[in-house]
Amino acid sequence: MHKDIHTKREREKGVVSEMIALYCRKQHGRRNGLCPECEALAAYARKRSDKCPFMETKTFCSNCKVHCYKPEMREKIRAVMRFSGPRMIFCHPVTAVRHVLEILQNRIVVSFIGKLRHILCVQIALLFITGIFLDFVL
């Protein structure tokens, strides 16, 4: 496995585990370890991350076209993300800032690709129209 993909996968698993731990600590009052429900969710999230075929190109699971989480687990992880996301800046500020930077970088890239695609489509349309016009004139 490529080292960068392995690093990215491990970082993702670590962040999700920290978010689940924060959620469990605040919502379920657990001080040491996770409750059985949160432990099951963390194990499921690690398993899904290990099997993700899009790890090389994806940014976040929420942006992925293929949702590999079961609907029930997807709702649970959404609740964890909704709760823990804003609180991560206080518990894990470096991780939170890195996440925000990745989101901004992804938006810039997606915006650039969208504009580039639009320009290419216009150029292809102009070439097509010009070709038809030249065929008609000649």
C-alpha atoms as a PDB file:
ATOM      1  CA  MET A   1       0.000   0.000   0.000  1.00  0.00           C
ATOM      2  CA  HIS A   2       1.239   3.468  -0.828  1.00  0.00           C
ATOM      3  CA  LYS A   3       2.598   5.256   2.253  1.00  0.00           C
ATOM      4  CA  ASP A   4       0.527   8.445   1.736  1.00  0.00           C
ATOM      5  CA  ILE A   5      -2.710   6.472   1.441  1.00  0.00           C
ATOM      6  CA  HIS A   6      -1.806   4.491   4.557  1.00  0.00           C
ATOM      7  CA  THR A   7      -1.047   7.716   6.447  1.00  0.00           C
ATOM      8  CA  LYS A   8      -4.280   9.316   5.257  1.00  0.00           C
ATOM      9  CA  ARG A   9      -6.283   6.239   6.244  1.00  0.00           C
ATOM     10  CA  GLU A  10      -4.708   6.121   9.712  1.00  0.00           C
ATOM     11  CA  ARG A  11      -5.263   9.853  10.235  1.00  0.00           C
ATOM     12  CA  GLU A  12      -8.914   9.506   9.243  1.00  0.00           C
ATOM     13  CA  LYS A  13      -9.406   6.595  11.633  1.00  0.00           C
ATOM     14  CA  GLY A  14      -7.728   8.573  14.422  1.00  0.00           C
ATOM     15  CA  VAL A  15      -9.892  11.655  13.874  1.00  0.00           C
ATOM     16  CA  VAL A  16     -13.099   9.626  13.784  1.00  0.00           C
ATOM     17  CA  SER A  17     -12.053   7.780  16.946  1.00  0.00           C
ATOM     18  CA  GLU A  18     -11.352  11.084  18.719  1.00  0.00           C
ATOM     19  CA  MET A  19     -14.706  12.491  17.643  1.00  0.00           C
ATOM     20  CA  ILE A  20     -16.542   9.390  18.859  1.00  0.00           C
ATOM     21  CA  ALA A  21     -14.627   9.521  22.167  1.00  0.00           C
ATOM     22  CA  LEU A  22     -15.564  13.193  22.631  1.00  0.00           C
ATOM     23  CA  TYR A  23     -19.202  12.429  21.834  1.00  0.00           C
ATOM     24  CA  CYS A  24     -19.310   9.485  24.246  1.00  0.00           C
ATOM     25  CA  ARG A  25     -17.593  11.454  27.000  1.00  0.00           C
ATOM     26  CA  LYS A  26     -20.026  14.394  26.727  1.00  0.00           C
ATOM     27  CA  GLN A  27     -23.253  12.598  25.781  1.00  0.00           C
ATOM     28  CA  HIS A  28     -22.932   9.331  27.683  1.00  0.00           C
ATOM     29  CA  GLY A  29     -20.799  10.545  30.589  1.00  0.00           C
ATOM     30  CA  ARG A  30     -18.027   8.001  30.029  1.00  0.00           C
ATOM     31  CA  ARG A  31     -14.685   9.003  31.503  1.00  0.00           C
ATOM     32  CA  ASN A  32     -12.635   5.899  30.708  1.00  0.00           C
ATOM     33  CA  GLY A  33     -13.212   4.182  27.413  1.00  0.00           C
ATOM     34  CA  LEU A  34     -16.314   4.084  25.277  1.00  0.00           C
ATOM     35  CA  CYS A  35     -19.773   2.752  25.970  1.00  0.00           C
ATOM     36  CA  PRO A  36     -20.658  -0.428  24.019  1.00  0.00           C
ATOM     37  CA  GLU A  37     -22.703   1.511  21.444  1.00  0.00           C
ATOM     38  CA  CYS A  38     -19.897   3.996  20.730  1.00  0.00           C
ATOM     39  CA  GLU A  39     -17.297   1.216  20.715  1.00  0.00           C
ATOM     40  CA  ALA A  40     -19.349  -0.613  18.055  1.00  0.00           C
ATOM     41  CA  LEU A  41     -19.605   2.594  16.015  1.00  0.00           C
ATOM     42  CA  ALA A  42     -15.840   3.219  16.278  1.00  0.00           C
ATOM     43  CA  ALA A  43     -15.055  -0.355  15.201  1.00  0.00           C
ATOM     44  CA  TYR A  44     -17.489  -0.043  12.298  1.00  0.00           C
ATOM     45  CA  ALA A  45     -15.960   3.268  11.193  1.00  0.00           C
ATOM     46  CA  ARG A  46     -12.432   1.802  11.314  1.00  0.00           C
ATOM     47  CA  LYS A  47     -13.562  -1.206   9.285  1.00  0.00           C
ATOM     48  CA  ARG A  48     -15.220   1.013   6.665  1.00  0.00           C
ATOM     49  CA  SER A  49     -12.102   3.175   6.442  1.00  0.00           C
ATOM     50  CA  ASP A  50      -9.899   0.104   5.990  1.00  0.00           C
ATOM     51  CA  LYS A  51     -12.032  -1.080   3.080  1.00  0.00           C
ATOM     52  CA  CYS A  52     -12.529   2.287   1.366  1.00  0.00           C
ATOM     53  CA  PRO A  53     -11.553   1.959  -2.317  1.00  0.00           C
ATOM     54  CA  PHE A  54     -11.607   5.745  -2.830  1.00  0.00           C
ATOM     55  CA  MET A  55      -9.116   6.671  -0.102  1.00  0.00           C
ATOM     56  CA  GLU A  56      -6.562   7.958  -2.611  1.00  0.00           C
ATOM     57  CA  THR A  57      -8.882  10.538  -4.150  1.00  0.00           C
ATOM     58  CA  LYS A  58     -11.596  11.265  -1.597  1.00  0.00           C
ATOM     59  CA  THR A  59     -11.617  14.179   0.780  1.00  0.00           C
ATOM     60  CA  PHE A  60     -14.329  13.247   3.284  1.00  0.00           C
ATOM     61  CA  CYS A  61     -16.916  10.496   3.453  1.00  0.00           C
ATOM     62  CA  SER A  62     -19.666  13.100   3.313  1.00  0.00           C
ATOM     63  CA  ASN A  63     -18.412  14.143  -0.146  1.00  0.00           C
ATOM     64  CA  CYS A  64     -18.207  10.598  -1.465  1.00  0.00           C
ATOM     65  CA  LYS A  65     -20.661   9.477  -4.151  1.00  0.00           C
ATOM     66  CA  VAL A  66     -20.735   5.949  -2.716  1.00  0.00           C
ATOM     67  CA  HIS A  67     -21.939   5.732   0.876  1.00  0.00           C
ATOM     68  CA  CYS A  68     -20.609   2.494   2.311  1.00  0.00           C
ATOM     69  CA  TYR A  69     -22.116   2.977   5.785  1.00  0.00           C
ATOM     70  CA  LYS A  70     -25.367   1.195   6.588  1.00  0.00           C
ATOM     71  CA  PRO A  71     -28.176   3.768   6.960  1.00  0.00           C
ATOM     72  CA  GLU A  72     -28.409   3.232  10.738  1.00  0.00           C
ATOM     73  CA  MET A  73     -24.652   3.651  11.236  1.00  0.00           C
ATOM     74  CA  ARG A  74     -24.603   6.603   8.871  1.00  0.00           C
ATOM     75  CA  GLU A  75     -27.144   8.417  11.042  1.00  0.00           C
ATOM     76  CA  LYS A  76     -25.144   7.616  14.165  1.00  0.00           C
ATOM     77  CA  ILE A  77     -21.875   8.890  12.693  1.00  0.00           C
ATOM     78  CA  ARG A  78     -23.688  12.008  11.454  1.00  0.00           C
ATOM     79  CA  ALA A  79     -24.911  12.706  14.986  1.00  0.00           C
ATOM     80  CA  VAL A  80     -21.360  12.257  16.284  1.00  0.00           C
ATOM     81  CA  MET A  81     -19.941  14.601  13.624  1.00  0.00           C
ATOM     82  CA  ARG A  82     -22.629  17.207  14.241  1.00  0.00           C
ATOM     83  CA  PHE A  83     -21.935  17.202  17.958  1.00  0.00           C
ATOM     84  CA  SER A  84     -18.151  16.731  18.011  1.00  0.00           C
ATOM     85  CA  GLY A  85     -17.184  18.809  14.979  1.00  0.00           C
ATOM     86  CA  PRO A  86     -17.619  22.263  16.540  1.00  0.00           C
ATOM     87  CA  ARG A  87     -16.085  21.096  19.831  1.00  0.00           C
ATOM     88  CA  MET A  88     -12.927  19.687  18.244  1.00  0.00           C
ATOM     89  CA  ILE A  89     -11.349  23.157  18.146  1.00  0.00           C
ATOM     90  CA  PHE A  90     -11.189  23.095  21.965  1.00  0.00           C
ATOM     91  CA  CYS A  91     -10.012  19.484  22.379  1.00  0.00           C
ATOM     92  CA  HIS A  92      -7.861  18.999  19.279  1.00  0.00           C
ATOM     93  CA  PRO A  93      -7.172  22.413  17.722  1.00  0.00           C
ATOM     94  CA  VAL A  94      -4.518  21.263  15.230  1.00  0.00           C
ATOM     95  CA  THR A  95      -6.789  18.547  13.879  1.00  0.00           C
ATOM     96  CA  ALA A  96      -9.713  20.973  13.640  1.00  0.00           C
ATOM     97  CA  VAL A  97      -7.676  23.600  11.771  1.00  0.00           C
ATOM     98  CA  ARG A  98      -6.266  20.956   9.411  1.00  0.00           C
ATOM     99  CA  HIS A  99      -9.826  19.823   8.668  1.00  0.00           C
ATOM    100  CA  VAL A 100     -10.997  23.366   7.889  1.00  0.00           C
ATOM    101  CA  LEU A 101      -7.995  23.883   5.588  1.00  0.00           C
ATOM    102  CA  GLU A 102      -8.757  20.635   3.764  1.00  0.00           C
ATOM    103  CA  ILE A 103     -12.375  21.739   3.288  1.00  0.00           C
ATOM    104  CA  LEU A 104     -11.270  25.103   1.872  1.00  0.00           C
ATOM    105  CA  GLN A 105      -8.701  23.455  -0.388  1.00  0.00           C
ATOM    106  CA  ASN A 106     -11.335  21.011  -1.669  1.00  0.00           C
ATOM    107  CA  ARG A 107     -13.785  23.835  -2.404  1.00  0.00           C
ATOM    108  CA  ILE A 108     -11.140  25.756  -4.340  1.00  0.00           C
ATOM    109  CA  VAL A 109     -10.217  22.685  -6.406  1.00  0.00           C
ATOM    110  CA  VAL A 110     -13.865  21.796  -7.107  1.00  0.00           C
ATOM    111  CA  SER A 111     -14.614  25.397  -8.085  1.00  0.00           C
ATOM    112  CA  PHE A 112     -11.584  25.502 -10.400  1.00  0.00           C
ATOM    113  CA  ILE A 113     -12.518  22.201 -12.038  1.00  0.00           C
ATOM    114  CA  GLY A 114     -16.086  23.430 -12.547  1.00  0.00           C
ATOM    115  CA  LYS A 115     -14.876  26.615 -14.231  1.00  0.00           C
ATOM    116  CA  LEU A 116     -12.385  24.680 -16.354  1.00  0.00           C
ATOM    117  CA  ARG A 117     -15.115  22.244 -17.419  1.00  0.00           C
ATOM    118  CA  HIS A 118     -17.365  25.167 -18.395  1.00  0.00           C
ATOM    119  CA  ILE A 119     -14.600  26.772 -20.491  1.00  0.00           C
ATOM    120  CA  LEU A 120     -13.853  23.467 -22.244  1.00  0.00           C
ATOM    121  CA  CYS A 121     -17.541  22.892 -22.993  1.00  0.00           C
ATOM    122  CA  VAL A 122     -17.850  26.372 -24.498  1.00  0.00           C
ATOM    123  CA  GLN A 123     -14.731  25.836 -26.610  1.00  0.00           C
ATOM    124  CA  ILE A 124     -15.973  22.463 -27.853  1.00  0.00           C
ATOM    125  CA  ALA A 125     -19.365  23.972 -28.683  1.00  0.00           C
ATOM    126  CA  LEU A 126     -17.675  26.804 -30.595  1.00  0.00           C
ATOM    127  CA  LEU A 127     -15.523  24.341 -32.523  1.00  0.00           C
ATOM    128  CA  PHE A 128     -18.591  22.254 -33.322  1.00  0.00           C
ATOM    129  CA  ILE A 129     -20.608  25.283 -34.453  1.00  0.00           C
ATOM    130  CA  THR A 130     -17.664  26.635 -36.457  1.00  0.00           C
ATOM    131  CA  GLY A 131     -17.226  23.242 -38.143  1.00  0.00           C
ATOM    132  CA  ILE A 132     -20.894  23.089 -39.103  1.00  0.00           C
ATOM    133  CA  PHE A 133     -20.771  26.667 -40.376  1.00  0.00           C
ATOM    134  CA  LEU A 134     -17.650  25.980 -42.456  1.00  0.00           C
ATOM    135  CA  ASP A 135     -19.229  22.825 -43.904  1.00  0.00           C
ATOM    136  CA  PHE A 136     -22.343  24.829 -44.798  1.00  0.00           C
ATOM    137  CA  VAL A 137     -20.379  27.712 -46.397  1.00  0.00           C
ATOM    138  CA  LEU A 138     -17.893  25.571 -48.267  1.00  0.00           C
END
